[in-house]
Amino acid sequence: MEIIASQRIWTFTDRQKDVVRSTCTAVREANAPNVRNYMDLATKIADLQFHNRDFVLMFRGQAGDFRNSSGNTTLKPTLLRSPGGSKTVPNGVLLERRFEILRHAETALVREYKRRGLRGLQRLQRQQILRWAILQHYEVCCTPLLDVTQSLRVAASFASHAATDSAFLFVLGVPQVSGAITASAEAGLQVVRLASVCPPSAVRPHIQEGFLVGEYPDFSSVEQKAHYSHYELDFGRRLIAKFRFNPDTFWKKSGAFPKVPRAALYPPPSNDPLCELAEAVKAGIGMD
């Protein structure tokens, strides 16, 4: 994956009120500036999109700004995250185990799709990244993909549900998105639009406006992973900006923009057949 904008990007810092020219590395190293409420955040995002016009902005909400051993913000896919929150990279044995679970989960996913007669089976069988996208979004197992959304309010709500004192919102820049899967050889990145992947009866991807980002070309084994350094597979390399807010006061001051309830972000299985399918896949590979 290429680092975003080898020239300079526009961002916000915790020291200056207005948007400034900077670099991705500087953004990752710095502290996240605070935002008061949703309108304050949305106004800054509008400024970022205007100035970083060559990129589509995607958002990710988290409870913390996790750092790597160099002190930079890290946004790694679940498959490559360090065990127990440590800053050491996963060893080959752990990666091999995670890839093995992923392969079994892919097989179980296709089997459950067939058994339930869900639409989109042929595409699922042909394209591995589509299988990864569903397994990642429905939290079945670790994958090489990272969940993001095009909805600022959804991302801020996710961050708030997971946080206590502070919540964080990360802004990633990706190439222009077209179709269900957008692959950019230049950026070394692919973007999956989840609503175009899942059957129409699956509600969660539509409510969450879910997308997934992954390395391009993708890697599906420890042997292929060996051709990449860990820092190359960190989506922090696509970071344009990050913000911090207090989840309690943020929404109280947001007026007409309330937090999306957790029950709305995660519809019950009765409203989303892929929830039940995901549980069946987990049980089939011993992950329940």
C-alpha atoms as a PDB file:
ATOM      1  CA  MET A   1       0.000   0.000   0.000  1.00  0.00           C
ATOM      2  CA  GLU A   2       1.366   3.403  -0.970  1.00  0.00           C
ATOM      3  CA  ILE A   3       1.457   6.187   1.587  1.00  0.00           C
ATOM      4  CA  ILE A   4      -1.117   8.826   0.760  1.00  0.00           C
ATOM      5  CA  ALA A   5      -0.060  11.956  -1.115  1.00  0.00           C
ATOM      6  CA  SER A   6       3.709  11.812  -1.282  1.00  0.00           C
ATOM      7  CA  GLN A   7       3.364  15.530  -1.896  1.00  0.00           C
ATOM      8  CA  ARG A   8       1.415  17.160   0.977  1.00  0.00           C
ATOM      9  CA  ILE A   9      -2.130  16.816   2.247  1.00  0.00           C
ATOM     10  CA  TRP A  10      -4.457  19.228   3.986  1.00  0.00           C
ATOM     11  CA  THR A  11      -5.380  18.440   7.583  1.00  0.00           C
ATOM     12  CA  PHE A  12      -6.257  19.849  11.005  1.00  0.00           C
ATOM     13  CA  THR A  13      -3.898  19.935  13.963  1.00  0.00           C
ATOM     14  CA  ASP A  14      -4.345  20.475  17.681  1.00  0.00           C
ATOM     15  CA  ARG A  15      -2.372  23.718  17.444  1.00  0.00           C
ATOM     16  CA  GLN A  16      -4.055  25.599  14.609  1.00  0.00           C
ATOM     17  CA  LYS A  17      -7.693  26.460  14.046  1.00  0.00           C
ATOM     18  CA  ASP A  18      -7.698  26.351  10.245  1.00  0.00           C
ATOM     19  CA  VAL A  19      -6.800  23.606   7.784  1.00  0.00           C
ATOM     20  CA  VAL A  20      -3.053  23.410   7.074  1.00  0.00           C
ATOM     21  CA  ARG A  21      -0.664  21.642   4.713  1.00  0.00           C
ATOM     22  CA  SER A  22       1.031  18.626   6.261  1.00  0.00           C
ATOM     23  CA  THR A  23       2.063  15.023   5.642  1.00  0.00           C
ATOM     24  CA  CYS A  24       0.521  11.697   6.553  1.00  0.00           C
ATOM     25  CA  THR A  25       3.455  10.901   8.850  1.00  0.00           C
ATOM     26  CA  ALA A  26       2.994  14.175  10.728  1.00  0.00           C
ATOM     27  CA  VAL A  27      -0.716  13.450  11.171  1.00  0.00           C
ATOM     28  CA  ARG A  28       0.042  10.004  12.565  1.00  0.00           C
ATOM     29  CA  GLU A  29       2.629  11.363  14.985  1.00  0.00           C
ATOM     30  CA  ALA A  30       0.516  14.240  16.309  1.00  0.00           C
ATOM     31  CA  ASN A  31      -2.247  14.350  18.891  1.00  0.00           C
ATOM     32  CA  ALA A  32      -5.808  14.430  17.584  1.00  0.00           C
ATOM     33  CA  PRO A  33      -7.454  17.884  17.762  1.00  0.00           C
ATOM     34  CA  ASN A  34     -10.670  18.114  19.778  1.00  0.00           C
ATOM     35  CA  VAL A  35     -14.081  18.772  18.241  1.00  0.00           C
ATOM     36  CA  ARG A  36     -16.976  20.118  20.302  1.00  0.00           C
ATOM     37  CA  ASN A  37     -20.014  18.597  18.574  1.00  0.00           C
ATOM     38  CA  TYR A  38     -21.224  16.968  15.373  1.00  0.00           C
ATOM     39  CA  MET A  39     -21.544  20.239  13.440  1.00  0.00           C
ATOM     40  CA  ASP A  40     -18.003  21.220  14.408  1.00  0.00           C
ATOM     41  CA  LEU A  41     -16.793  17.843  13.137  1.00  0.00           C
ATOM     42  CA  ALA A  42     -18.891  17.944   9.953  1.00  0.00           C
ATOM     43  CA  THR A  43     -17.649  21.446   9.112  1.00  0.00           C
ATOM     44  CA  LYS A  44     -14.036  20.312   9.408  1.00  0.00           C
ATOM     45  CA  ILE A  45     -14.724  17.235   7.267  1.00  0.00           C
ATOM     46  CA  ALA A  46     -16.252  19.482   4.573  1.00  0.00           C
ATOM     47  CA  ASP A  47     -13.086  21.576   4.634  1.00  0.00           C
ATOM     48  CA  LEU A  48     -10.940  18.451   4.323  1.00  0.00           C
ATOM     49  CA  GLN A  49     -12.906  17.152   1.343  1.00  0.00           C
ATOM     50  CA  PHE A  50     -12.702  20.518  -0.420  1.00  0.00           C
ATOM     51  CA  HIS A  51      -8.940  20.712  -0.032  1.00  0.00           C
ATOM     52  CA  ASN A  52      -8.140  17.005  -0.584  1.00  0.00           C
ATOM     53  CA  ARG A  53     -10.206  16.824  -3.752  1.00  0.00           C
ATOM     54  CA  ASP A  54      -8.320  13.902  -5.318  1.00  0.00           C
ATOM     55  CA  PHE A  55      -9.534  11.494  -2.637  1.00  0.00           C
ATOM     56  CA  VAL A  56     -12.798  10.047  -1.368  1.00  0.00           C
ATOM     57  CA  LEU A  57     -12.986  10.354   2.410  1.00  0.00           C
ATOM     58  CA  MET A  58     -13.819   7.283   4.498  1.00  0.00           C
ATOM     59  CA  PHE A  59     -14.276   7.273   8.259  1.00  0.00           C
ATOM     60  CA  ARG A  60     -13.514   4.937  11.128  1.00  0.00           C
ATOM     61  CA  GLY A  61     -14.551   5.428  14.753  1.00  0.00           C
ATOM     62  CA  GLN A  62     -12.591   3.877  17.637  1.00  0.00           C
ATOM     63  CA  ALA A  63     -12.288   4.112  21.393  1.00  0.00           C
ATOM     64  CA  GLY A  64      -8.574   4.920  21.190  1.00  0.00           C
ATOM     65  CA  ASP A  65      -5.746   6.237  19.046  1.00  0.00           C
ATOM     66  CA  PHE A  66      -3.563   3.128  18.994  1.00  0.00           C
ATOM     67  CA  ARG A  67       0.128   3.637  18.257  1.00  0.00           C
ATOM     68  CA  ASN A  68       2.856   1.422  16.840  1.00  0.00           C
ATOM     69  CA  SER A  69       6.382   1.078  18.222  1.00  0.00           C
ATOM     70  CA  SER A  70       7.371   4.286  16.397  1.00  0.00           C
ATOM     71  CA  GLY A  71       4.608   6.236  18.125  1.00  0.00           C
ATOM     72  CA  ASN A  72       2.492   6.608  14.977  1.00  0.00           C
ATOM     73  CA  THR A  73      -1.243   5.973  14.703  1.00  0.00           C
ATOM     74  CA  THR A  74      -1.788   2.436  13.441  1.00  0.00           C
ATOM     75  CA  LEU A  75      -4.905   1.147  11.658  1.00  0.00           C
ATOM     76  CA  LYS A  76      -4.207  -2.473  10.835  1.00  0.00           C
ATOM     77  CA  PRO A  77      -6.658  -5.133   9.672  1.00  0.00           C
ATOM     78  CA  THR A  78      -7.612  -7.685  12.321  1.00  0.00           C
ATOM     79  CA  LEU A  79      -5.442 -10.417  10.760  1.00  0.00           C
ATOM     80  CA  LEU A  80      -2.284  -8.365  11.307  1.00  0.00           C
ATOM     81  CA  ARG A  81      -2.994  -6.903  14.734  1.00  0.00           C
ATOM     82  CA  SER A  82      -0.724  -7.689  17.626  1.00  0.00           C
ATOM     83  CA  PRO A  83      -2.083 -10.106  20.241  1.00  0.00           C
ATOM     84  CA  GLY A  84      -3.174  -8.644  23.563  1.00  0.00           C
ATOM     85  CA  GLY A  85      -2.716  -5.045  22.430  1.00  0.00           C
ATOM     86  CA  SER A  86       1.078  -5.311  22.344  1.00  0.00           C
ATOM     87  CA  LYS A  87       3.197  -3.351  19.858  1.00  0.00           C
ATOM     88  CA  THR A  88       5.082  -6.398  18.599  1.00  0.00           C
ATOM     89  CA  VAL A  89       4.072  -7.799  15.218  1.00  0.00           C
ATOM     90  CA  PRO A  90       2.305 -11.202  15.099  1.00  0.00           C
ATOM     91  CA  ASN A  91       4.736 -14.074  14.554  1.00  0.00           C
ATOM     92  CA  GLY A  92       4.543 -16.595  11.707  1.00  0.00           C
ATOM     93  CA  VAL A  93       2.836 -19.264  13.809  1.00  0.00           C
ATOM     94  CA  LEU A  94       0.001 -16.928  14.794  1.00  0.00           C
ATOM     95  CA  LEU A  95      -0.408 -15.651  11.240  1.00  0.00           C
ATOM     96  CA  GLU A  96      -0.535 -19.189   9.859  1.00  0.00           C
ATOM     97  CA  ARG A  97      -3.219 -20.070  12.409  1.00  0.00           C
ATOM     98  CA  ARG A  98      -5.255 -16.992  11.482  1.00  0.00           C
ATOM     99  CA  PHE A  99      -4.984 -17.778   7.759  1.00  0.00           C
ATOM    100  CA  GLU A 100      -6.065 -21.362   8.444  1.00  0.00           C
ATOM    101  CA  ILE A 101      -9.161 -20.184  10.332  1.00  0.00           C
ATOM    102  CA  LEU A 102      -9.912 -17.737   7.513  1.00  0.00           C
ATOM    103  CA  ARG A 103      -9.736 -20.505   4.888  1.00  0.00           C
ATOM    104  CA  HIS A 104     -12.128 -22.696   6.897  1.00  0.00           C
ATOM    105  CA  ALA A 105     -14.470 -19.750   7.385  1.00  0.00           C
ATOM    106  CA  GLU A 106     -14.559 -19.057   3.637  1.00  0.00           C
ATOM    107  CA  THR A 107     -15.561 -22.668   2.957  1.00  0.00           C
ATOM    108  CA  ALA A 108     -18.233 -22.580   5.652  1.00  0.00           C
ATOM    109  CA  LEU A 109     -19.565 -19.267   4.340  1.00  0.00           C
ATOM    110  CA  VAL A 110     -20.071 -20.617   0.820  1.00  0.00           C
ATOM    111  CA  ARG A 111     -21.685 -23.760   2.233  1.00  0.00           C
ATOM    112  CA  GLU A 112     -24.158 -21.728   4.300  1.00  0.00           C
ATOM    113  CA  TYR A 113     -24.942 -19.480   1.340  1.00  0.00           C
ATOM    114  CA  LYS A 114     -25.811 -22.547  -0.729  1.00  0.00           C
ATOM    115  CA  ARG A 115     -27.881 -24.120   2.019  1.00  0.00           C
ATOM    116  CA  ARG A 116     -29.935 -20.973   2.556  1.00  0.00           C
ATOM    117  CA  GLY A 117     -30.345 -20.151  -1.121  1.00  0.00           C
ATOM    118  CA  LEU A 118     -29.047 -16.587  -0.742  1.00  0.00           C
ATOM    119  CA  ARG A 119     -28.549 -14.414  -3.795  1.00  0.00           C
ATOM    120  CA  GLY A 120     -25.035 -13.657  -5.025  1.00  0.00           C
ATOM    121  CA  LEU A 121     -23.605 -17.154  -4.517  1.00  0.00           C
ATOM    122  CA  GLN A 122     -21.724 -17.277  -7.821  1.00  0.00           C
ATOM    123  CA  ARG A 123     -19.946 -13.979  -7.173  1.00  0.00           C
ATOM    124  CA  LEU A 124     -19.097 -15.145  -3.667  1.00  0.00           C
ATOM    125  CA  GLN A 125     -17.553 -18.357  -5.016  1.00  0.00           C
ATOM    126  CA  ARG A 126     -15.498 -16.522  -7.618  1.00  0.00           C
ATOM    127  CA  GLN A 127     -14.115 -13.597  -5.616  1.00  0.00           C
ATOM    128  CA  GLN A 128     -12.208 -14.197  -2.415  1.00  0.00           C
ATOM    129  CA  ILE A 129     -12.322 -10.575  -1.321  1.00  0.00           C
ATOM    130  CA  LEU A 130     -16.122 -10.721  -1.228  1.00  0.00           C
ATOM    131  CA  ARG A 131     -15.937 -13.658   1.175  1.00  0.00           C
ATOM    132  CA  TRP A 132     -13.443 -11.731   3.289  1.00  0.00           C
ATOM    133  CA  ALA A 133     -15.692  -8.672   3.288  1.00  0.00           C
ATOM    134  CA  ILE A 134     -18.668 -10.545   4.751  1.00  0.00           C
ATOM    135  CA  LEU A 135     -16.558 -12.450   7.282  1.00  0.00           C
ATOM    136  CA  GLN A 136     -14.959  -9.214   8.459  1.00  0.00           C
ATOM    137  CA  HIS A 137     -18.094  -7.086   8.597  1.00  0.00           C
ATOM    138  CA  TYR A 138     -20.045  -9.726  10.515  1.00  0.00           C
ATOM    139  CA  GLU A 139     -17.089 -10.313  12.852  1.00  0.00           C
ATOM    140  CA  VAL A 140     -16.668 -14.017  12.103  1.00  0.00           C
ATOM    141  CA  CYS A 141     -12.854 -14.126  12.139  1.00  0.00           C
ATOM    142  CA  CYS A 142      -9.718 -12.110  11.399  1.00  0.00           C
ATOM    143  CA  THR A 143      -9.254 -10.969   7.784  1.00  0.00           C
ATOM    144  CA  PRO A 144      -6.854  -8.713   5.821  1.00  0.00           C
ATOM    145  CA  LEU A 145      -9.592  -6.051   5.506  1.00  0.00           C
ATOM    146  CA  LEU A 146     -10.424  -2.963   7.577  1.00  0.00           C
ATOM    147  CA  ASP A 147     -13.986  -1.752   8.218  1.00  0.00           C
ATOM    148  CA  VAL A 148     -14.727   1.873   7.302  1.00  0.00           C
ATOM    149  CA  THR A 149     -17.853   3.829   6.435  1.00  0.00           C
ATOM    150  CA  GLN A 150     -18.864   6.774   4.277  1.00  0.00           C
ATOM    151  CA  SER A 151     -21.202   7.973   7.020  1.00  0.00           C
ATOM    152  CA  LEU A 152     -19.609  10.445   9.400  1.00  0.00           C
ATOM    153  CA  ARG A 153     -22.477  10.060  11.875  1.00  0.00           C
ATOM    154  CA  VAL A 154     -22.206   6.265  11.866  1.00  0.00           C
ATOM    155  CA  ALA A 155     -18.438   6.408  12.478  1.00  0.00           C
ATOM    156  CA  ALA A 156     -18.841   8.914  15.319  1.00  0.00           C
ATOM    157  CA  SER A 157     -21.578   6.741  16.832  1.00  0.00           C
ATOM    158  CA  PHE A 158     -19.385   3.627  16.691  1.00  0.00           C
ATOM    159  CA  ALA A 159     -16.596   5.517  18.423  1.00  0.00           C
ATOM    160  CA  SER A 160     -18.992   6.731  21.119  1.00  0.00           C
ATOM    161  CA  HIS A 161     -20.436   3.287  21.857  1.00  0.00           C
ATOM    162  CA  ALA A 162     -16.946   1.850  22.311  1.00  0.00           C
ATOM    163  CA  ALA A 163     -15.467   4.732  24.320  1.00  0.00           C
ATOM    164  CA  THR A 164     -15.653   6.043  27.874  1.00  0.00           C
ATOM    165  CA  ASP A 165     -13.876   9.382  28.329  1.00  0.00           C
ATOM    166  CA  SER A 166     -12.595   9.955  24.786  1.00  0.00           C
ATOM    167  CA  ALA A 167     -13.647   8.787  21.339  1.00  0.00           C
ATOM    168  CA  PHE A 168     -11.620   9.056  18.136  1.00  0.00           C
ATOM    169  CA  LEU A 169     -12.593   9.496  14.515  1.00  0.00           C
ATOM    170  CA  PHE A 170     -10.112   8.769  11.735  1.00  0.00           C
ATOM    171  CA  VAL A 171     -10.342  10.158   8.199  1.00  0.00           C
ATOM    172  CA  LEU A 172      -8.811   8.035   5.446  1.00  0.00           C
ATOM    173  CA  GLY A 173      -8.311   9.086   1.841  1.00  0.00           C
ATOM    174  CA  VAL A 174      -8.984   6.460  -0.830  1.00  0.00           C
ATOM    175  CA  PRO A 175      -9.102   6.566  -4.644  1.00  0.00           C
ATOM    176  CA  GLN A 176     -12.357   7.364  -6.410  1.00  0.00           C
ATOM    177  CA  VAL A 177     -14.865   4.545  -5.778  1.00  0.00           C
ATOM    178  CA  SER A 178     -16.736   2.937  -8.673  1.00  0.00           C
ATOM    179  CA  GLY A 179     -18.761  -0.266  -8.552  1.00  0.00           C
ATOM    180  CA  ALA A 180     -18.752  -3.022  -5.960  1.00  0.00           C
ATOM    181  CA  ILE A 181     -14.950  -3.360  -5.923  1.00  0.00           C
ATOM    182  CA  THR A 182     -12.517  -0.589  -6.787  1.00  0.00           C
ATOM    183  CA  ALA A 183      -8.879  -1.600  -7.206  1.00  0.00           C
ATOM    184  CA  SER A 184      -6.066   0.908  -7.591  1.00  0.00           C
ATOM    185  CA  ALA A 185      -2.688  -0.468  -8.617  1.00  0.00           C
ATOM    186  CA  GLU A 186      -1.184   2.988  -8.163  1.00  0.00           C
ATOM    187  CA  ALA A 187      -2.338   3.283  -4.541  1.00  0.00           C
ATOM    188  CA  GLY A 188      -1.898  -0.441  -3.811  1.00  0.00           C
ATOM    189  CA  LEU A 189      -5.428  -0.413  -2.418  1.00  0.00           C
ATOM    190  CA  GLN A 190      -8.850  -1.919  -3.076  1.00  0.00           C
ATOM    191  CA  VAL A 191     -12.184  -0.768  -1.713  1.00  0.00           C
ATOM    192  CA  VAL A 192     -15.252  -2.988  -1.329  1.00  0.00           C
ATOM    193  CA  ARG A 193     -18.727  -1.425  -1.148  1.00  0.00           C
ATOM    194  CA  LEU A 194     -20.506  -3.834   1.154  1.00  0.00           C
ATOM    195  CA  ALA A 195     -24.048  -2.980   0.036  1.00  0.00           C
ATOM    196  CA  SER A 196     -23.138  -4.213  -3.457  1.00  0.00           C
ATOM    197  CA  VAL A 197     -21.717  -7.475  -2.087  1.00  0.00           C
ATOM    198  CA  CYS A 198     -24.326  -8.689   0.395  1.00  0.00           C
ATOM    199  CA  PRO A 199     -27.785  -9.941  -0.601  1.00  0.00           C
ATOM    200  CA  PRO A 200     -30.478  -7.226  -0.479  1.00  0.00           C
ATOM    201  CA  SER A 201     -32.074  -8.882   2.557  1.00  0.00           C
ATOM    202  CA  ALA A 202     -28.950  -8.029   4.611  1.00  0.00           C
ATOM    203  CA  VAL A 203     -29.755  -4.773   6.416  1.00  0.00           C
ATOM    204  CA  ARG A 204     -26.634  -4.009   8.440  1.00  0.00           C
ATOM    205  CA  PRO A 205     -24.347  -3.006   5.510  1.00  0.00           C
ATOM    206  CA  HIS A 206     -26.946  -0.484   4.290  1.00  0.00           C
ATOM    207  CA  ILE A 207     -27.549   1.063   7.708  1.00  0.00           C
ATOM    208  CA  GLN A 208     -23.846   1.309   8.457  1.00  0.00           C
ATOM    209  CA  GLU A 209     -22.972   2.442   4.902  1.00  0.00           C
ATOM    210  CA  GLY A 210     -20.175  -0.069   5.216  1.00  0.00           C
ATOM    211  CA  PHE A 211     -17.049  -0.286   3.086  1.00  0.00           C
ATOM    212  CA  LEU A 212     -13.895  -2.337   3.525  1.00  0.00           C
ATOM    213  CA  VAL A 213     -10.379  -1.463   2.428  1.00  0.00           C
ATOM    214  CA  GLY A 214      -7.634  -3.943   1.668  1.00  0.00           C
ATOM    215  CA  GLU A 215      -4.199  -4.295   0.120  1.00  0.00           C
ATOM    216  CA  TYR A 216      -3.982  -4.641  -3.670  1.00  0.00           C
ATOM    217  CA  PRO A 217      -2.957  -7.134  -4.904  1.00  0.00           C
ATOM    218  CA  ASP A 218      -4.320  -8.990  -1.905  1.00  0.00           C
ATOM    219  CA  PHE A 219      -2.425 -11.694  -0.021  1.00  0.00           C
ATOM    220  CA  SER A 220      -3.972 -14.952   1.147  1.00  0.00           C
ATOM    221  CA  SER A 221      -1.117 -16.813   2.839  1.00  0.00           C
ATOM    222  CA  VAL A 222       1.840 -16.313   5.142  1.00  0.00           C
ATOM    223  CA  GLU A 223       4.114 -16.905   2.145  1.00  0.00           C
ATOM    224  CA  GLN A 224       2.571 -13.996   0.232  1.00  0.00           C
ATOM    225  CA  LYS A 225       2.553 -11.831   3.363  1.00  0.00           C
ATOM    226  CA  ALA A 226       6.336 -12.329   3.571  1.00  0.00           C
ATOM    227  CA  HIS A 227       6.717 -10.114   0.492  1.00  0.00           C
ATOM    228  CA  TYR A 228       5.377  -7.149   2.478  1.00  0.00           C
ATOM    229  CA  SER A 229       6.746  -5.375   5.528  1.00  0.00           C
ATOM    230  CA  HIS A 230       4.253  -4.892   8.354  1.00  0.00           C
ATOM    231  CA  TYR A 231       4.386  -1.119   8.067  1.00  0.00           C
ATOM    232  CA  GLU A 232       3.283  -1.373   4.407  1.00  0.00           C
ATOM    233  CA  LEU A 233       0.054  -3.090   5.457  1.00  0.00           C
ATOM    234  CA  ASP A 234      -1.016  -0.388   7.902  1.00  0.00           C
ATOM    235  CA  PHE A 235      -3.954   1.761   6.796  1.00  0.00           C
ATOM    236  CA  GLY A 236      -2.506   4.554   8.875  1.00  0.00           C
ATOM    237  CA  ARG A 237      -0.630   5.206   5.609  1.00  0.00           C
ATOM    238  CA  ARG A 238      -3.924   6.533   4.197  1.00  0.00           C
ATOM    239  CA  LEU A 239      -4.662   8.835   7.146  1.00  0.00           C
ATOM    240  CA  ILE A 240      -5.598  12.414   6.299  1.00  0.00           C
ATOM    241  CA  ALA A 241      -6.831  13.551   9.716  1.00  0.00           C
ATOM    242  CA  LYS A 242      -7.971  12.367  13.126  1.00  0.00           C
ATOM    243  CA  PHE A 243     -10.223  13.951  15.729  1.00  0.00           C
ATOM    244  CA  ARG A 244     -10.966  13.441  19.390  1.00  0.00           C
ATOM    245  CA  PHE A 245     -14.179  14.153  21.297  1.00  0.00           C
ATOM    246  CA  ASN A 246     -15.933  13.541  24.586  1.00  0.00           C
ATOM    247  CA  PRO A 247     -18.819  11.174  23.708  1.00  0.00           C
ATOM    248  CA  ASP A 248     -21.094  12.565  26.440  1.00  0.00           C
ATOM    249  CA  THR A 249     -20.871  16.285  25.703  1.00  0.00           C
ATOM    250  CA  PHE A 250     -20.376  15.799  21.945  1.00  0.00           C
ATOM    251  CA  TRP A 251     -23.888  14.443  21.358  1.00  0.00           C
ATOM    252  CA  LYS A 252     -25.575  16.659  23.939  1.00  0.00           C
ATOM    253  CA  LYS A 253     -24.387  19.666  21.957  1.00  0.00           C
ATOM    254  CA  SER A 254     -25.199  18.134  18.566  1.00  0.00           C
ATOM    255  CA  GLY A 255     -28.916  18.973  18.602  1.00  0.00           C
ATOM    256  CA  ALA A 256     -30.492  17.758  15.368  1.00  0.00           C
ATOM    257  CA  PHE A 257     -27.748  15.131  14.885  1.00  0.00           C
ATOM    258  CA  PRO A 258     -28.272  12.504  17.598  1.00  0.00           C
ATOM    259  CA  LYS A 259     -26.074   9.464  18.096  1.00  0.00           C
ATOM    260  CA  VAL A 260     -27.203   6.397  16.147  1.00  0.00           C
ATOM    261  CA  PRO A 261     -28.337   3.813  18.762  1.00  0.00           C
ATOM    262  CA  ARG A 262     -26.375   0.596  18.971  1.00  0.00           C
ATOM    263  CA  ALA A 263     -29.560  -1.391  18.315  1.00  0.00           C
ATOM    264  CA  ALA A 264     -29.938   0.446  15.004  1.00  0.00           C
ATOM    265  CA  LEU A 265     -26.332  -0.156  13.970  1.00  0.00           C
ATOM    266  CA  TYR A 266     -26.696  -3.856  14.741  1.00  0.00           C
ATOM    267  CA  PRO A 267     -30.182  -4.961  13.600  1.00  0.00           C
ATOM    268  CA  PRO A 268     -31.420  -8.209  15.204  1.00  0.00           C
ATOM    269  CA  PRO A 269     -31.006 -11.488  13.290  1.00  0.00           C
ATOM    270  CA  SER A 270     -34.733 -11.452  12.518  1.00  0.00           C
ATOM    271  CA  ASN A 271     -34.081  -8.398  10.304  1.00  0.00           C
ATOM    272  CA  ASP A 272     -30.794  -9.531   8.817  1.00  0.00           C
ATOM    273  CA  PRO A 273     -30.308 -13.142   7.658  1.00  0.00           C
ATOM    274  CA  LEU A 274     -26.533 -12.734   7.452  1.00  0.00           C
ATOM    275  CA  CYS A 275     -26.371 -12.319  11.233  1.00  0.00           C
ATOM    276  CA  GLU A 276     -27.755 -15.817  11.698  1.00  0.00           C
ATOM    277  CA  LEU A 277     -25.551 -17.107   8.889  1.00  0.00           C
ATOM    278  CA  ALA A 278     -22.468 -15.579  10.537  1.00  0.00           C
ATOM    279  CA  GLU A 279     -23.271 -17.359  13.796  1.00  0.00           C
ATOM    280  CA  ALA A 280     -23.621 -20.650  11.889  1.00  0.00           C
ATOM    281  CA  VAL A 281     -20.222 -20.092  10.239  1.00  0.00           C
ATOM    282  CA  LYS A 282     -18.633 -19.347  13.615  1.00  0.00           C
ATOM    283  CA  ALA A 283     -20.091 -22.524  15.066  1.00  0.00           C
ATOM    284  CA  GLY A 284     -18.902 -24.509  12.038  1.00  0.00           C
ATOM    285  CA  ILE A 285     -15.293 -23.445  12.527  1.00  0.00           C
ATOM    286  CA  GLY A 286     -15.353 -23.569  16.322  1.00  0.00           C
ATOM    287  CA  MET A 287     -15.395 -19.803  16.871  1.00  0.00           C
ATOM    288  CA  ASP A 288     -18.678 -19.529  18.813  1.00  0.00           C
END
